[in-house]
C-alpha atoms as a PDB file:
ATOM      1  CA  MET A   1      37.805 -33.965  13.196  1.00  0.00           C
ATOM      2  CA  ALA A   2      40.726 -35.377  10.721  1.00  0.00           C
ATOM      3  CA  LEU A   3      41.210 -38.528  13.021  1.00  0.00           C
ATOM      4  CA  LEU A   4      37.001 -39.436  13.065  1.00  0.00           C
ATOM      5  CA  ALA A   5      37.113 -38.526   9.527  1.00  0.00           C
ATOM      6  CA  LEU A   6      39.823 -41.535   8.621  1.00  0.00           C
ATOM      7  CA  ILE A   7      37.984 -43.661  11.225  1.00  0.00           C
ATOM      8  CA  ALA A   8      34.586 -43.312   9.690  1.00  0.00           C
ATOM      9  CA  THR A   9      36.043 -43.618   5.996  1.00  0.00           C
ATOM     10  CA  CYS A  10      37.851 -46.938   6.837  1.00  0.00           C
ATOM     11  CA  VAL A  11      34.638 -47.778   8.713  1.00  0.00           C
ATOM     12  CA  LEU A  12      32.987 -47.469   4.789  1.00  0.00           C
ATOM     13  CA  PHE A  13      35.622 -48.951   2.712  1.00  0.00           C
ATOM     14  CA  TYR A  14      35.407 -52.563   5.424  1.00  0.00           C
ATOM     15  CA  ILE A  15      30.913 -52.229   4.293  1.00  0.00           C
ATOM     16  CA  SER A  16      31.234 -51.753   1.045  1.00  0.00           C
ATOM     17  CA  SER A  17      34.252 -53.983   0.653  1.00  0.00           C
ATOM     18  CA  THR A  18      31.564 -56.939   2.587  1.00  0.00           C
ATOM     19  CA  SER A  19      28.864 -56.216   0.720  1.00  0.00           C
ATOM     20  CA  ALA A  20      30.156 -56.778  -2.346  1.00  0.00           C
ATOM     21  CA  GLY A  21      29.844 -53.642  -3.890  1.00  0.00           C
ATOM     22  CA  ASN A  22      25.645 -53.205  -2.785  1.00  0.00           C
ATOM     23  CA  ALA A  23      25.579 -51.282   0.066  1.00  0.00           C
ATOM     24  CA  GLY A  24      23.511 -49.000  -0.531  1.00  0.00           C
ATOM     25  CA  VAL A  25      22.252 -45.272  -0.324  1.00  0.00           C
ATOM     26  CA  TRP A  26      22.777 -44.700   3.105  1.00  0.00           C
ATOM     27  CA  ILE A  27      26.324 -45.618   2.590  1.00  0.00           C
ATOM     28  CA  GLY A  28      26.888 -43.272   0.058  1.00  0.00           C
ATOM     29  CA  PHE A  29      24.963 -40.260   2.141  1.00  0.00           C
ATOM     30  CA  ALA A  30      27.642 -41.330   5.152  1.00  0.00           C
ATOM     31  CA  GLY A  31      30.543 -40.815   2.399  1.00  0.00           C
ATOM     32  CA  LEU A  32      28.987 -37.620   2.003  1.00  0.00           C
ATOM     33  CA  GLY A  33      29.172 -36.374   5.198  1.00  0.00           C
ATOM     34  CA  ILE A  34      32.330 -37.312   6.048  1.00  0.00           C
ATOM     35  CA  PHE A  35      33.696 -35.636   2.872  1.00  0.00           C
ATOM     36  CA  ILE A  36      31.171 -32.886   4.383  1.00  0.00           C
ATOM     37  CA  ILE A  37      33.401 -33.264   7.579  1.00  0.00           C
ATOM     38  CA  ASN A  38      36.842 -33.171   5.299  1.00  0.00           C
ATOM     39  CA  ILE A  39      36.136 -29.686   4.662  1.00  0.00           C
ATOM     40  CA  ILE A  40      35.188 -28.772   7.575  1.00  0.00           C
ATOM     41  CA  GLY A  41      38.053 -29.756   9.121  1.00  0.00           C
ATOM     42  CA  PHE A  42      40.489 -27.669   6.610  1.00  0.00           C
ATOM     43  CA  VAL A  43      38.721 -24.866   6.866  1.00  0.00           C
ATOM     44  CA  LEU A  44      39.895 -25.276  11.078  1.00  0.00           C
ATOM     45  CA  SER A  45      42.680 -26.174  10.139  1.00  0.00           C
ATOM     46  CA  VAL A  46      43.826 -22.723   8.175  1.00  0.00           C
ATOM     47  CA  GLN A  47      42.114 -20.840  10.558  1.00  0.00           C
ATOM     48  CA  GLY A  48      44.242 -22.678  12.899  1.00  0.00           C
ATOM     49  CA  PHE A  49      47.713 -20.879  11.453  1.00  0.00           C
ATOM     50  CA  ARG A  50      45.799 -17.393  11.994  1.00  0.00           C
ATOM     51  CA  LYS A  51      46.593 -17.669  15.669  1.00  0.00           C
ATOM     52  CA  GLN A  52      49.712 -16.639  17.617  1.00  0.00           C
ATOM     53  CA  ASP A  53      52.016 -18.882  20.188  1.00  0.00           C
ATOM     54  CA  ILE A  54      50.229 -22.480  18.907  1.00  0.00           C
ATOM     55  CA  TYR A  55      51.539 -25.372  18.307  1.00  0.00           C
ATOM     56  CA  TYR A  56      51.798 -25.242  14.812  1.00  0.00           C
ATOM     57  CA  ARG A  57      51.988 -29.623  14.626  1.00  0.00           C
ATOM     58  CA  PHE A  58      48.241 -29.997  15.144  1.00  0.00           C
ATOM     59  CA  PRO A  59      47.588 -27.776  12.278  1.00  0.00           C
ATOM     60  CA  ILE A  60      49.688 -28.907   9.921  1.00  0.00           C
ATOM     61  CA  ALA A  61      48.807 -32.707  10.584  1.00  0.00           C
ATOM     62  CA  GLY A  62      45.020 -31.743   9.979  1.00  0.00           C
ATOM     63  CA  ILE A  63      45.692 -29.412   7.010  1.00  0.00           C
ATOM     64  CA  MET A  64      47.326 -33.210   5.772  1.00  0.00           C
ATOM     65  CA  LEU A  65      45.460 -35.267   6.542  1.00  0.00           C
ATOM     66  CA  ASN A  66      42.226 -33.786   6.030  1.00  0.00           C
ATOM     67  CA  GLY A  67      43.874 -33.055   2.517  1.00  0.00           C
ATOM     68  CA  PHE A  68      44.684 -36.335   1.772  1.00  0.00           C
ATOM     69  CA  LEU A  69      41.224 -37.782   2.523  1.00  0.00           C
ATOM     70  CA  PHE A  70      39.373 -34.896   0.294  1.00  0.00           C
ATOM     71  CA  ILE A  71      41.181 -35.904  -2.374  1.00  0.00           C
ATOM     72  CA  VAL A  72      40.460 -40.053  -1.490  1.00  0.00           C
ATOM     73  CA  PHE A  73      37.035 -39.250  -1.754  1.00  0.00           C
ATOM     74  CA  LEU A  74      36.860 -36.888  -4.919  1.00  0.00           C
ATOM     75  CA  LEU A  75      39.421 -39.622  -6.635  1.00  0.00           C
ATOM     76  CA  LEU A  76      36.430 -42.120  -5.558  1.00  0.00           C
ATOM     77  CA  TYR A  77      33.564 -40.160  -6.973  1.00  0.00           C
ATOM     78  CA  ILE A  78      35.195 -39.814 -10.446  1.00  0.00           C
ATOM     79  CA  VAL A  79      35.499 -42.884 -10.378  1.00  0.00           C
ATOM     80  CA  GLY A  80      31.832 -43.413  -9.478  1.00  0.00           C
ATOM     81  CA  ILE A  81      30.542 -41.399 -12.088  1.00  0.00           C
END
């Protein structure tokens, strides 16, 4: 989920930069959707730590990437206000 959110975030940033800041409401709604996907991915990664006999590499990567994207989107919305 984190990889999907990262790719979608890069696509949204590209679309927003090529439209000179006038991307429209649908890009904002897509950004909110990706923000929700980040939260869901973070929760699923935390739940992955509760399982036994797993490789902790993927839950750690999910927490780090989803947490980073969460902070990016949070700062983007704060700057937008």
